[in-house]
PDB file of N, CA and C in Angstrom:
ATOM      1  N   MET A   1       2.057   2.496   9.221  1.00  0.00           N
ATOM      2  CA  MET A   1       1.277   2.259   8.141  1.00  0.00           C
ATOM      3  C   MET A   1       1.969   1.458   7.107  1.00  0.00           C
ATOM      4  N   ALA A   2       3.215   1.983   6.659  1.00  0.00           N
ATOM      5  CA  ALA A   2       3.951   1.272   5.660  1.00  0.00           C
ATOM      6  C   ALA A   2       4.459  -0.064   6.219  1.00  0.00           C
ATOM      7  N   ARG A   3       4.698  -0.074   7.600  1.00  0.00           N
ATOM      8  CA  ARG A   3       5.133  -1.329   8.106  1.00  0.00           C
ATOM      9  C   ARG A   3       4.095  -2.511   7.933  1.00  0.00           C
ATOM     10  N   ARG A   4       2.871  -2.110   8.032  1.00  0.00           N
ATOM     11  CA  ARG A   4       1.787  -3.155   7.690  1.00  0.00           C
ATOM     12  C   ARG A   4       1.556  -3.371   6.272  1.00  0.00           C
ATOM     13  N   ALA A   5       1.746  -2.293   5.495  1.00  0.00           N
ATOM     14  CA  ALA A   5       1.498  -2.455   4.080  1.00  0.00           C
ATOM     15  C   ALA A   5       2.435  -3.337   3.320  1.00  0.00           C
ATOM     16  N   LEU A   6       3.730  -3.398   3.805  1.00  0.00           N
ATOM     17  CA  LEU A   6       4.564  -4.258   3.115  1.00  0.00           C
ATOM     18  C   LEU A   6       4.273  -5.753   3.100  1.00  0.00           C
ATOM     19  N   PRO A   7       4.000  -6.299   4.258  1.00  0.00           N
ATOM     20  CA  PRO A   7       3.601  -7.758   4.162  1.00  0.00           C
ATOM     21  C   PRO A   7       2.302  -7.895   3.421  1.00  0.00           C
ATOM     22  N   VAL A   8       1.372  -7.064   3.555  1.00  0.00           N
ATOM     23  CA  VAL A   8      -0.016  -7.128   3.011  1.00  0.00           C
ATOM     24  C   VAL A   8       0.202  -7.107   1.393  1.00  0.00           C
ATOM     25  N   LEU A   9       0.978  -6.257   0.976  1.00  0.00           N
ATOM     26  CA  LEU A   9       1.256  -6.212  -0.551  1.00  0.00           C
ATOM     27  C   LEU A   9       1.920  -7.498  -0.994  1.00  0.00           C
ATOM     28  N   ALA A  10       2.932  -7.961  -0.268  1.00  0.00           N
ATOM     29  CA  ALA A  10       3.625  -9.195  -0.606  1.00  0.00           C
ATOM     30  C   ALA A  10       2.689 -10.275  -0.645  1.00  0.00           C
ATOM     31  N   LEU A  11       1.818 -10.499   0.329  1.00  0.00           N
ATOM     32  CA  LEU A  11       0.782 -11.568   0.467  1.00  0.00           C
ATOM     33  C   LEU A  11      -0.237 -11.390  -0.688  1.00  0.00           C
ATOM     34  N   ALA A  12      -0.603 -10.205  -1.006  1.00  0.00           N
ATOM     35  CA  ALA A  12      -1.635 -10.131  -2.118  1.00  0.00           C
ATOM     36  C   ALA A  12      -1.002 -10.475  -3.437  1.00  0.00           C
ATOM     37  N   GLU A  13       0.210  -9.974  -3.665  1.00  0.00           N
ATOM     38  CA  GLU A  13       0.855 -10.199  -5.001  1.00  0.00           C
ATOM     39  C   GLU A  13       1.099 -11.735  -5.064  1.00  0.00           C
ATOM     40  N   GLY A  14       1.552 -12.363  -3.969  1.00  0.00           N
ATOM     41  CA  GLY A  14       1.869 -13.712  -4.018  1.00  0.00           C
ATOM     42  C   GLY A  14       0.643 -14.541  -4.223  1.00  0.00           C
ATOM     43  N   ALA A  15      -0.452 -14.233  -3.403  1.00  0.00           N
ATOM     44  CA  ALA A  15      -1.702 -14.981  -3.692  1.00  0.00           C
ATOM     45  C   ALA A  15      -2.166 -14.904  -5.106  1.00  0.00           C
ATOM     46  N   ALA A  16      -2.154 -13.689  -5.697  1.00  0.00           N
ATOM     47  CA  ALA A  16      -2.650 -13.483  -7.034  1.00  0.00           C
ATOM     48  C   ALA A  16      -1.719 -14.335  -8.052  1.00  0.00           C
ATOM     49  N   LEU A  17      -0.457 -14.264  -7.956  1.00  0.00           N
ATOM     50  CA  LEU A  17       0.383 -15.029  -8.784  1.00  0.00           C
ATOM     51  C   LEU A  17       0.230 -16.497  -8.614  1.00  0.00           C
ATOM     52  N   LEU A  18       0.056 -16.898  -7.424  1.00  0.00           N
ATOM     53  CA  LEU A  18      -0.137 -18.347  -7.170  1.00  0.00           C
ATOM     54  C   LEU A  18      -1.517 -18.931  -7.649  1.00  0.00           C
ATOM     55  N   ALA A  19      -2.569 -18.144  -7.289  1.00  0.00           N
ATOM     56  CA  ALA A  19      -3.869 -18.662  -7.556  1.00  0.00           C
ATOM     57  C   ALA A  19      -4.444 -18.354  -9.049  1.00  0.00           C
ATOM     58  N   ARG A  20      -4.082 -17.093  -9.541  1.00  0.00           N
ATOM     59  CA  ARG A  20      -4.636 -16.729 -10.816  1.00  0.00           C
ATOM     60  C   ARG A  20      -3.481 -16.108 -11.660  1.00  0.00           C
ATOM     61  N   PRO A  21      -2.487 -16.877 -11.978  1.00  0.00           N
ATOM     62  CA  PRO A  21      -1.438 -16.246 -12.751  1.00  0.00           C
ATOM     63  C   PRO A  21      -1.926 -15.768 -14.184  1.00  0.00           C
ATOM     64  N   GLU A  22      -2.932 -16.469 -14.793  1.00  0.00           N
ATOM     65  CA  GLU A  22      -3.385 -15.979 -16.048  1.00  0.00           C
ATOM     66  C   GLU A  22      -4.050 -14.598 -15.942  1.00  0.00           C
ATOM     67  N   ALA A  23      -4.808 -14.300 -14.878  1.00  0.00           N
ATOM     68  CA  ALA A  23      -5.390 -13.133 -14.697  1.00  0.00           C
ATOM     69  C   ALA A  23      -4.424 -11.988 -14.539  1.00  0.00           C
ATOM     70  N   VAL A  24      -3.350 -12.289 -13.837  1.00  0.00           N
ATOM     71  CA  VAL A  24      -2.221 -11.382 -13.611  1.00  0.00           C
ATOM     72  C   VAL A  24      -1.622 -10.951 -14.947  1.00  0.00           C
ATOM     73  N   VAL A  25      -1.343 -11.962 -15.784  1.00  0.00           N
ATOM     74  CA  VAL A  25      -0.721 -11.855 -17.122  1.00  0.00           C
ATOM     75  C   VAL A  25      -1.653 -10.903 -17.968  1.00  0.00           C
ATOM     76  N   ARG A  26      -2.904 -11.156 -17.878  1.00  0.00           N
ATOM     77  CA  ARG A  26      -3.811 -10.357 -18.773  1.00  0.00           C
ATOM     78  C   ARG A  26      -3.779  -8.940 -18.353  1.00  0.00           C
ATOM     79  N   ALA A  27      -3.511  -8.610 -17.083  1.00  0.00           N
ATOM     80  CA  ALA A  27      -3.413  -7.216 -16.686  1.00  0.00           C
ATOM     81  C   ALA A  27      -2.275  -6.487 -17.237  1.00  0.00           C
ATOM     82  N   VAL A  28      -1.243  -7.290 -17.618  1.00  0.00           N
ATOM     83  CA  VAL A  28       0.106  -6.678 -18.158  1.00  0.00           C
ATOM     84  C   VAL A  28       0.016  -6.818 -19.624  1.00  0.00           C
ATOM     85  N   PRO A  29       0.004  -5.672 -20.301  1.00  0.00           N
ATOM     86  CA  PRO A  29      -0.032  -5.812 -21.895  1.00  0.00           C
ATOM     87  C   PRO A  29       1.225  -6.413 -22.411  1.00  0.00           C
ATOM     88  N   GLY A  30       1.113  -7.051 -23.546  1.00  0.00           N
ATOM     89  CA  GLY A  30       2.245  -7.605 -24.228  1.00  0.00           C
ATOM     90  C   GLY A  30       2.191  -9.111 -24.111  1.00  0.00           C
ATOM     91  N   ARG A  31       2.723  -9.713 -25.224  1.00  0.00           N
ATOM     92  CA  ARG A  31       2.730 -11.253 -25.222  1.00  0.00           C
ATOM     93  C   ARG A  31       4.054 -11.622 -25.834  1.00  0.00           C
ATOM     94  N   PRO A  32       4.497 -12.843 -25.673  1.00  0.00           N
ATOM     95  CA  PRO A  32       3.822 -13.806 -24.783  1.00  0.00           C
ATOM     96  C   PRO A  32       4.141 -13.599 -23.350  1.00  0.00           C
ATOM     97  N   ALA A  33       3.352 -14.255 -22.489  1.00  0.00           N
ATOM     98  CA  ALA A  33       3.614 -14.184 -21.072  1.00  0.00           C
ATOM     99  C   ALA A  33       4.595 -15.311 -20.586  1.00  0.00           C
ATOM    100  N   PRO A  34       5.179 -14.978 -19.482  1.00  0.00           N
ATOM    101  CA  PRO A  34       6.046 -16.021 -18.904  1.00  0.00           C
ATOM    102  C   PRO A  34       5.134 -17.255 -18.601  1.00  0.00           C
ATOM    103  N   HIS A  35       5.857 -18.411 -18.463  1.00  0.00           N
ATOM    104  CA  HIS A  35       5.111 -19.616 -18.190  1.00  0.00           C
ATOM    105  C   HIS A  35       4.519 -19.578 -16.767  1.00  0.00           C
ATOM    106  N   VAL A  36       3.340 -20.139 -16.767  1.00  0.00           N
ATOM    107  CA  VAL A  36       2.487 -20.165 -15.537  1.00  0.00           C
ATOM    108  C   VAL A  36       3.375 -20.696 -14.407  1.00  0.00           C
ATOM    109  N   ALA A  37       4.146 -21.660 -14.574  1.00  0.00           N
ATOM    110  CA  ALA A  37       4.907 -22.225 -13.439  1.00  0.00           C
ATOM    111  C   ALA A  37       5.917 -21.250 -12.927  1.00  0.00           C
ATOM    112  N   VAL A  38       6.471 -20.355 -13.749  1.00  0.00           N
ATOM    113  CA  VAL A  38       7.451 -19.334 -13.337  1.00  0.00           C
ATOM    114  C   VAL A  38       6.646 -18.348 -12.422  1.00  0.00           C
ATOM    115  N   LEU A  39       5.421 -18.009 -12.797  1.00  0.00           N
ATOM    116  CA  LEU A  39       4.702 -17.015 -12.110  1.00  0.00           C
ATOM    117  C   LEU A  39       4.205 -17.643 -10.772  1.00  0.00           C
ATOM    118  N   ARG A  40       3.858 -18.946 -10.685  1.00  0.00           N
ATOM    119  CA  ARG A  40       3.549 -19.535  -9.428  1.00  0.00           C
ATOM    120  C   ARG A  40       4.662 -19.657  -8.604  1.00  0.00           C
ATOM    121  N   VAL A  41       5.908 -19.895  -8.970  1.00  0.00           N
ATOM    122  CA  VAL A  41       7.057 -19.898  -8.157  1.00  0.00           C
ATOM    123  C   VAL A  41       7.287 -18.606  -7.578  1.00  0.00           C
ATOM    124  N   LEU A  42       7.144 -17.567  -8.372  1.00  0.00           N
ATOM    125  CA  LEU A  42       7.258 -16.160  -7.850  1.00  0.00           C
ATOM    126  C   LEU A  42       6.249 -15.966  -6.774  1.00  0.00           C
ATOM    127  N   GLY A  43       5.039 -16.297  -7.032  1.00  0.00           N
ATOM    128  CA  GLY A  43       3.968 -16.093  -6.115  1.00  0.00           C
ATOM    129  C   GLY A  43       4.214 -16.857  -4.746  1.00  0.00           C
ATOM    130  N   ALA A  44       4.781 -17.991  -4.937  1.00  0.00           N
ATOM    131  CA  ALA A  44       5.020 -18.730  -3.614  1.00  0.00           C
ATOM    132  C   ALA A  44       6.168 -18.104  -2.779  1.00  0.00           C
ATOM    133  N   ARG A  45       7.091 -17.520  -3.502  1.00  0.00           N
ATOM    134  CA  ARG A  45       8.170 -16.754  -2.886  1.00  0.00           C
ATOM    135  C   ARG A  45       7.586 -15.505  -2.192  1.00  0.00           C
ATOM    136  N   GLN A  46       6.713 -14.833  -2.844  1.00  0.00           N
ATOM    137  CA  GLN A  46       6.067 -13.654  -2.322  1.00  0.00           C
ATOM    138  C   GLN A  46       5.135 -13.959  -1.195  1.00  0.00           C
ATOM    139  N   LEU A  47       4.458 -15.031  -1.157  1.00  0.00           N
ATOM    140  CA  LEU A  47       3.670 -15.548  -0.013  1.00  0.00           C
ATOM    141  C   LEU A  47       4.499 -15.827   1.215  1.00  0.00           C
ATOM    142  N   VAL A  48       5.634 -16.498   1.010  1.00  0.00           N
ATOM    143  CA  VAL A  48       6.533 -16.792   2.064  1.00  0.00           C
ATOM    144  C   VAL A  48       7.119 -15.478   2.624  1.00  0.00           C
ATOM    145  N   GLN A  49       7.609 -14.648   1.828  1.00  0.00           N
ATOM    146  CA  GLN A  49       8.150 -13.396   2.264  1.00  0.00           C
ATOM    147  C   GLN A  49       7.181 -12.577   2.969  1.00  0.00           C
ATOM    148  N   GLY A  50       5.912 -12.473   2.572  1.00  0.00           N
ATOM    149  CA  GLY A  50       4.888 -11.735   3.148  1.00  0.00           C
ATOM    150  C   GLY A  50       4.573 -12.272   4.508  1.00  0.00           C
ATOM    151  N   ALA A  51       4.610 -13.581   4.601  1.00  0.00           N
ATOM    152  CA  ALA A  51       4.249 -14.282   5.972  1.00  0.00           C
ATOM    153  C   ALA A  51       5.321 -13.951   6.920  1.00  0.00           C
ATOM    154  N   VAL A  52       6.593 -14.118   6.493  1.00  0.00           N
ATOM    155  CA  VAL A  52       7.704 -13.832   7.370  1.00  0.00           C
ATOM    156  C   VAL A  52       7.671 -12.412   7.867  1.00  0.00           C
ATOM    157  N   LEU A  53       7.431 -11.423   6.926  1.00  0.00           N
ATOM    158  CA  LEU A  53       7.277 -10.032   7.321  1.00  0.00           C
ATOM    159  C   LEU A  53       6.135  -9.728   8.273  1.00  0.00           C
ATOM    160  N   LEU A  54       5.121 -10.531   8.163  1.00  0.00           N
ATOM    161  CA  LEU A  54       3.987 -10.332   9.012  1.00  0.00           C
ATOM    162  C   LEU A  54       4.215 -10.831  10.391  1.00  0.00           C
ATOM    163  N   ALA A  55       4.951 -12.002  10.369  1.00  0.00           N
ATOM    164  CA  ALA A  55       5.248 -12.621  11.611  1.00  0.00           C
ATOM    165  C   ALA A  55       6.308 -11.940  12.401  1.00  0.00           C
ATOM    166  N   ARG A  56       7.281 -11.385  11.748  1.00  0.00           N
ATOM    167  CA  ARG A  56       8.545 -10.787  12.379  1.00  0.00           C
ATOM    168  C   ARG A  56       8.959  -9.523  11.682  1.00  0.00           C
ATOM    169  N   PRO A  57       8.234  -8.428  11.897  1.00  0.00           N
ATOM    170  CA  PRO A  57       8.525  -7.274  11.045  1.00  0.00           C
ATOM    171  C   PRO A  57       9.680  -6.414  11.714  1.00  0.00           C
ATOM    172  N   THR A  58      10.695  -7.082  12.099  1.00  0.00           N
ATOM    173  CA  THR A  58      11.907  -6.339  12.680  1.00  0.00           C
ATOM    174  C   THR A  58      12.625  -5.690  11.541  1.00  0.00           C
ATOM    175  N   PRO A  59      13.387  -4.542  11.817  1.00  0.00           N
ATOM    176  CA  PRO A  59      14.162  -3.855  10.851  1.00  0.00           C
ATOM    177  C   PRO A  59      15.112  -4.861   9.943  1.00  0.00           C
ATOM    178  N   GLN A  60      15.671  -5.783  10.740  1.00  0.00           N
ATOM    179  CA  GLN A  60      16.582  -6.705  10.066  1.00  0.00           C
ATOM    180  C   GLN A  60      15.831  -7.624   9.020  1.00  0.00           C
ATOM    181  N   VAL A  61      14.744  -8.101   9.340  1.00  0.00           N
ATOM    182  CA  VAL A  61      13.885  -8.935   8.461  1.00  0.00           C
ATOM    183  C   VAL A  61      13.381  -8.107   7.273  1.00  0.00           C
ATOM    184  N   VAL A  62      12.945  -6.973   7.585  1.00  0.00           N
ATOM    185  CA  VAL A  62      12.504  -6.009   6.456  1.00  0.00           C
ATOM    186  C   VAL A  62      13.780  -5.718   5.577  1.00  0.00           C
ATOM    187  N   ARG A  63      14.911  -5.467   6.031  1.00  0.00           N
ATOM    188  CA  ARG A  63      16.052  -5.259   5.168  1.00  0.00           C
ATOM    189  C   ARG A  63      16.395  -6.557   4.382  1.00  0.00           C
ATOM    190  N   GLY A  64      16.216  -7.654   5.042  1.00  0.00           N
ATOM    191  CA  GLY A  64      16.391  -8.889   4.280  1.00  0.00           C
ATOM    192  C   GLY A  64      15.371  -9.002   3.056  1.00  0.00           C
ATOM    193  N   ALA A  65      14.221  -8.577   3.323  1.00  0.00           N
ATOM    194  CA  ALA A  65      13.138  -8.614   2.269  1.00  0.00           C
ATOM    195  C   ALA A  65      13.478  -7.735   1.121  1.00  0.00           C
ATOM    196  N   ALA A  66      14.203  -6.559   1.489  1.00  0.00           N
ATOM    197  CA  ALA A  66      14.547  -5.534   0.487  1.00  0.00           C
ATOM    198  C   ALA A  66      15.695  -6.152  -0.353  1.00  0.00           C
ATOM    199  N   VAL A  67      16.617  -6.866   0.350  1.00  0.00           N
ATOM    200  CA  VAL A  67      17.613  -7.524  -0.485  1.00  0.00           C
ATOM    201  C   VAL A  67      17.095  -8.519  -1.450  1.00  0.00           C
ATOM    202  N   VAL A  68      16.111  -9.358  -0.923  1.00  0.00           N
ATOM    203  CA  VAL A  68      15.509 -10.357  -1.823  1.00  0.00           C
ATOM    204  C   VAL A  68      14.770  -9.690  -3.008  1.00  0.00           C
ATOM    205  N   ASP A  69      14.107  -8.616  -2.739  1.00  0.00           N
ATOM    206  CA  ASP A  69      13.388  -7.933  -3.819  1.00  0.00           C
ATOM    207  C   ASP A  69      14.335  -7.275  -4.790  1.00  0.00           C
ATOM    208  N   GLY A  70      15.476  -6.754  -4.243  1.00  0.00           N
ATOM    209  CA  GLY A  70      16.495  -6.158  -5.016  1.00  0.00           C
ATOM    210  C   GLY A  70      17.141  -7.175  -5.952  1.00  0.00           C
ATOM    211  N   LEU A  71      17.400  -8.326  -5.405  1.00  0.00           N
ATOM    212  CA  LEU A  71      18.066  -9.424  -6.218  1.00  0.00           C
ATOM    213  C   LEU A  71      17.075  -9.859  -7.296  1.00  0.00           C
ATOM    214  N   HIS A  72      15.893  -9.940  -6.972  1.00  0.00           N
ATOM    215  CA  HIS A  72      14.847 -10.320  -7.972  1.00  0.00           C
ATOM    216  C   HIS A  72      14.803  -9.337  -9.171  1.00  0.00           C
ATOM    217  N   ALA A  73      14.804  -8.002  -8.802  1.00  0.00           N
ATOM    218  CA  ALA A  73      14.940  -6.969  -9.788  1.00  0.00           C
ATOM    219  C   ALA A  73      16.231  -7.094 -10.630  1.00  0.00           C
ATOM    220  N   LEU A  74      17.303  -7.330 -10.093  1.00  0.00           N
ATOM    221  CA  LEU A  74      18.522  -7.494 -10.829  1.00  0.00           C
ATOM    222  C   LEU A  74      18.471  -8.725 -11.692  1.00  0.00           C
ATOM    223  N   SER A  75      17.847  -9.797 -11.319  1.00  0.00           N
ATOM    224  CA  SER A  75      17.630 -10.964 -12.082  1.00  0.00           C
ATOM    225  C   SER A  75      16.821 -10.786 -13.384  1.00  0.00           C
ATOM    226  N   MET A  76      16.108  -9.605 -13.463  1.00  0.00           N
ATOM    227  CA  MET A  76      15.254  -9.325 -14.542  1.00  0.00           C
ATOM    228  C   MET A  76      16.111  -8.609 -15.651  1.00  0.00           C
ATOM    229  N   VAL A  77      17.307  -8.090 -15.303  1.00  0.00           N
ATOM    230  CA  VAL A  77      18.056  -7.273 -16.285  1.00  0.00           C
ATOM    231  C   VAL A  77      18.354  -8.104 -17.504  1.00  0.00           C
ATOM    232  N   PRO A  78      19.003  -9.448 -17.295  1.00  0.00           N
ATOM    233  CA  PRO A  78      19.243 -10.097 -18.599  1.00  0.00           C
ATOM    234  C   PRO A  78      17.987 -10.431 -19.343  1.00  0.00           C
ATOM    235  N   VAL A  79      16.893 -10.691 -18.700  1.00  0.00           N
ATOM    236  CA  VAL A  79      15.629 -10.945 -19.373  1.00  0.00           C
ATOM    237  C   VAL A  79      15.132  -9.809 -20.291  1.00  0.00           C
ATOM    238  N   LEU A  80      15.529  -8.648 -19.808  1.00  0.00           N
ATOM    239  CA  LEU A  80      15.100  -7.433 -20.675  1.00  0.00           C
ATOM    240  C   LEU A  80      15.797  -7.528 -22.044  1.00  0.00           C
ATOM    241  N   LEU A  81      16.842  -8.214 -22.194  1.00  0.00           N
ATOM    242  CA  LEU A  81      17.494  -8.434 -23.493  1.00  0.00           C
ATOM    243  C   LEU A  81      16.741  -9.284 -24.398  1.00  0.00           C
ATOM    244  N   HIS A  82      15.876 -10.031 -23.900  1.00  0.00           N
ATOM    245  CA  HIS A  82      15.078 -10.991 -24.643  1.00  0.00           C
ATOM    246  C   HIS A  82      13.788 -10.282 -25.137  1.00  0.00           C
ATOM    247  N   PRO A  83      13.516  -9.921 -26.410  1.00  0.00           N
ATOM    248  CA  PRO A  83      12.510  -9.089 -26.870  1.00  0.00           C
ATOM    249  C   PRO A  83      11.100  -9.711 -26.469  1.00  0.00           C
ATOM    250  N   ARG A  84      10.985 -11.061 -26.452  1.00  0.00           N
ATOM    251  CA  ARG A  84       9.836 -11.750 -26.239  1.00  0.00           C
ATOM    252  C   ARG A  84       9.262 -11.528 -24.908  1.00  0.00           C
ATOM    253  N   TYR A  85      10.149 -11.477 -23.863  1.00  0.00           N
ATOM    254  CA  TYR A  85       9.708 -11.247 -22.470  1.00  0.00           C
ATOM    255  C   TYR A  85      10.085  -9.862 -21.839  1.00  0.00           C
ATOM    256  N   ARG A  86      10.433  -8.953 -22.744  1.00  0.00           N
ATOM    257  CA  ARG A  86      10.872  -7.617 -22.262  1.00  0.00           C
ATOM    258  C   ARG A  86       9.819  -6.908 -21.347  1.00  0.00           C
ATOM    259  N   ARG A  87       8.678  -6.805 -21.916  1.00  0.00           N
ATOM    260  CA  ARG A  87       7.664  -6.116 -21.119  1.00  0.00           C
ATOM    261  C   ARG A  87       7.430  -6.764 -19.714  1.00  0.00           C
ATOM    262  N   ALA A  88       7.223  -7.983 -19.698  1.00  0.00           N
ATOM    263  CA  ALA A  88       7.001  -8.739 -18.391  1.00  0.00           C
ATOM    264  C   ALA A  88       8.143  -8.597 -17.440  1.00  0.00           C
ATOM    265  N   ALA A  89       9.385  -8.567 -18.010  1.00  0.00           N
ATOM    266  CA  ALA A  89      10.646  -8.434 -17.195  1.00  0.00           C
ATOM    267  C   ALA A  89      10.743  -7.048 -16.678  1.00  0.00           C
ATOM    268  N   LEU A  90      10.267  -6.055 -17.479  1.00  0.00           N
ATOM    269  CA  LEU A  90      10.436  -4.609 -17.000  1.00  0.00           C
ATOM    270  C   LEU A  90       9.297  -4.395 -15.953  1.00  0.00           C
ATOM    271  N   VAL A  91       8.199  -4.974 -16.103  1.00  0.00           N
ATOM    272  CA  VAL A  91       7.165  -4.840 -14.952  1.00  0.00           C
ATOM    273  C   VAL A  91       7.692  -5.401 -13.783  1.00  0.00           C
ATOM    274  N   SER A  92       8.239  -6.681 -13.801  1.00  0.00           N
ATOM    275  CA  SER A  92       8.702  -7.437 -12.623  1.00  0.00           C
ATOM    276  C   SER A  92       9.853  -6.638 -12.008  1.00  0.00           C
ATOM    277  N   LEU A  93      10.754  -6.177 -12.880  1.00  0.00           N
ATOM    278  CA  LEU A  93      11.958  -5.421 -12.383  1.00  0.00           C
ATOM    279  C   LEU A  93      11.473  -4.116 -11.682  1.00  0.00           C
ATOM    280  N   LEU A  94      10.482  -3.415 -12.074  1.00  0.00           N
ATOM    281  CA  LEU A  94       9.985  -2.151 -11.486  1.00  0.00           C
ATOM    282  C   LEU A  94       9.338  -2.507 -10.251  1.00  0.00           C
ATOM    283  N   LEU A  95       8.466  -3.610 -10.158  1.00  0.00           N
ATOM    284  CA  LEU A  95       7.914  -3.951  -8.918  1.00  0.00           C
ATOM    285  C   LEU A  95       8.892  -4.351  -7.892  1.00  0.00           C
ATOM    286  N   GLY A  96       9.944  -5.029  -8.301  1.00  0.00           N
ATOM    287  CA  GLY A  96      11.031  -5.502  -7.347  1.00  0.00           C
ATOM    288  C   GLY A  96      11.818  -4.230  -6.801  1.00  0.00           C
ATOM    289  N   VAL A  97      12.036  -3.271  -7.644  1.00  0.00           N
ATOM    290  CA  VAL A  97      12.721  -2.046  -7.170  1.00  0.00           C
ATOM    291  C   VAL A  97      11.848  -1.253  -6.180  1.00  0.00           C
ATOM    292  N   ALA A  98      10.522  -1.142  -6.584  1.00  0.00           N
ATOM    293  CA  ALA A  98       9.631  -0.447  -5.681  1.00  0.00           C
ATOM    294  C   ALA A  98       9.445  -1.161  -4.306  1.00  0.00           C
ATOM    295  N   ALA A  99       9.338  -2.481  -4.349  1.00  0.00           N
ATOM    296  CA  ALA A  99       9.183  -3.214  -3.144  1.00  0.00           C
ATOM    297  C   ALA A  99      10.461  -3.072  -2.238  1.00  0.00           C
ATOM    298  N   SER A 100      11.664  -3.141  -2.885  1.00  0.00           N
ATOM    299  CA  SER A 100      12.853  -2.980  -2.211  1.00  0.00           C
ATOM    300  C   SER A 100      13.018  -1.605  -1.580  1.00  0.00           C
ATOM    301  N   ALA A 101      12.724  -0.465  -2.292  1.00  0.00           N
ATOM    302  CA  ALA A 101      12.685   0.778  -1.782  1.00  0.00           C
ATOM    303  C   ALA A 101      11.737   1.063  -0.596  1.00  0.00           C
ATOM    304  N   LEU A 102      10.587   0.389  -0.783  1.00  0.00           N
ATOM    305  CA  LEU A 102       9.502   0.503   0.350  1.00  0.00           C
ATOM    306  C   LEU A 102      10.087  -0.156   1.643  1.00  0.00           C
ATOM    307  N   ALA A 103      10.673  -1.346   1.362  1.00  0.00           N
ATOM    308  CA  ALA A 103      11.165  -2.121   2.566  1.00  0.00           C
ATOM    309  C   ALA A 103      12.243  -1.354   3.209  1.00  0.00           C
ATOM    310  N   LEU A 104      13.241  -0.737   2.479  1.00  0.00           N
ATOM    311  CA  LEU A 104      14.253  -0.106   3.019  1.00  0.00           C
ATOM    312  C   LEU A 104      13.791   1.288   3.761  1.00  0.00           C
ATOM    313  N   ALA A 105      12.895   1.923   3.236  1.00  0.00           N
ATOM    314  CA  ALA A 105      12.295   3.047   3.854  1.00  0.00           C
ATOM    315  C   ALA A 105      11.535   2.614   5.124  1.00  0.00           C
ATOM    316  N   THR A 106      10.874   1.446   5.143  1.00  0.00           N
ATOM    317  CA  THR A 106      10.195   0.911   6.388  1.00  0.00           C
ATOM    318  C   THR A 106      11.150   0.645   7.423  1.00  0.00           C
ATOM    319  N   ALA A 107      12.273  -0.078   7.030  1.00  0.00           N
ATOM    320  CA  ALA A 107      13.230  -0.404   8.043  1.00  0.00           C
ATOM    321  C   ALA A 107      13.922   0.737   8.645  1.00  0.00           C
ATOM    322  N   GLU A 108      14.243   1.815   7.797  1.00  0.00           N
ATOM    323  CA  GLU A 108      14.815   3.019   8.355  1.00  0.00           C
ATOM    324  C   GLU A 108      13.948   3.765   9.240  1.00  0.00           C
ATOM    325  N   ALA A 109      12.677   3.766   8.928  1.00  0.00           N
ATOM    326  CA  ALA A 109      11.669   4.457   9.833  1.00  0.00           C
ATOM    327  C   ALA A 109      11.581   3.735  11.219  1.00  0.00           C
ATOM    328  N   ALA A 110      11.684   2.402  11.115  1.00  0.00           N
ATOM    329  CA  ALA A 110      11.507   1.662  12.409  1.00  0.00           C
ATOM    330  C   ALA A 110      12.837   1.828  13.201  1.00  0.00           C
ATOM    331  N   ASP A 111      13.950   2.137  12.625  1.00  0.00           N
ATOM    332  CA  ASP A 111      15.191   2.369  13.378  1.00  0.00           C
ATOM    333  C   ASP A 111      15.079   3.629  14.192  1.00  0.00           C
ATOM    334  N   ARG A 112      14.196   4.520  13.721  1.00  0.00           N
ATOM    335  CA  ARG A 112      14.260   5.913  14.400  1.00  0.00           C
ATOM    336  C   ARG A 112      13.452   5.899  15.716  1.00  0.00           C
TER     337      ARG A 112
END
């Protein structure tokens, strides 16, 4: 179940960020929002990651996705220091940590 959920979640998040970034921003309280272009780049990355996970859900690829999501979460740490984007950075950091943890758990379960 989690093995299928991971790419589906990445694809859904990526599609939403790419196609309707303004709607995603409205769902997260706080202003101002990150620039639409930034959200679309993140959406494109999520779409590619979801497609790769769907096409090749091996434990190694899933661990790679966990690393990418973890690096994204880490990249949000300095943004947290900027009061203007703190809330958006915190949401993005938490989503990255959650996605990374889910990917690691999925990869570990597949190894068993």
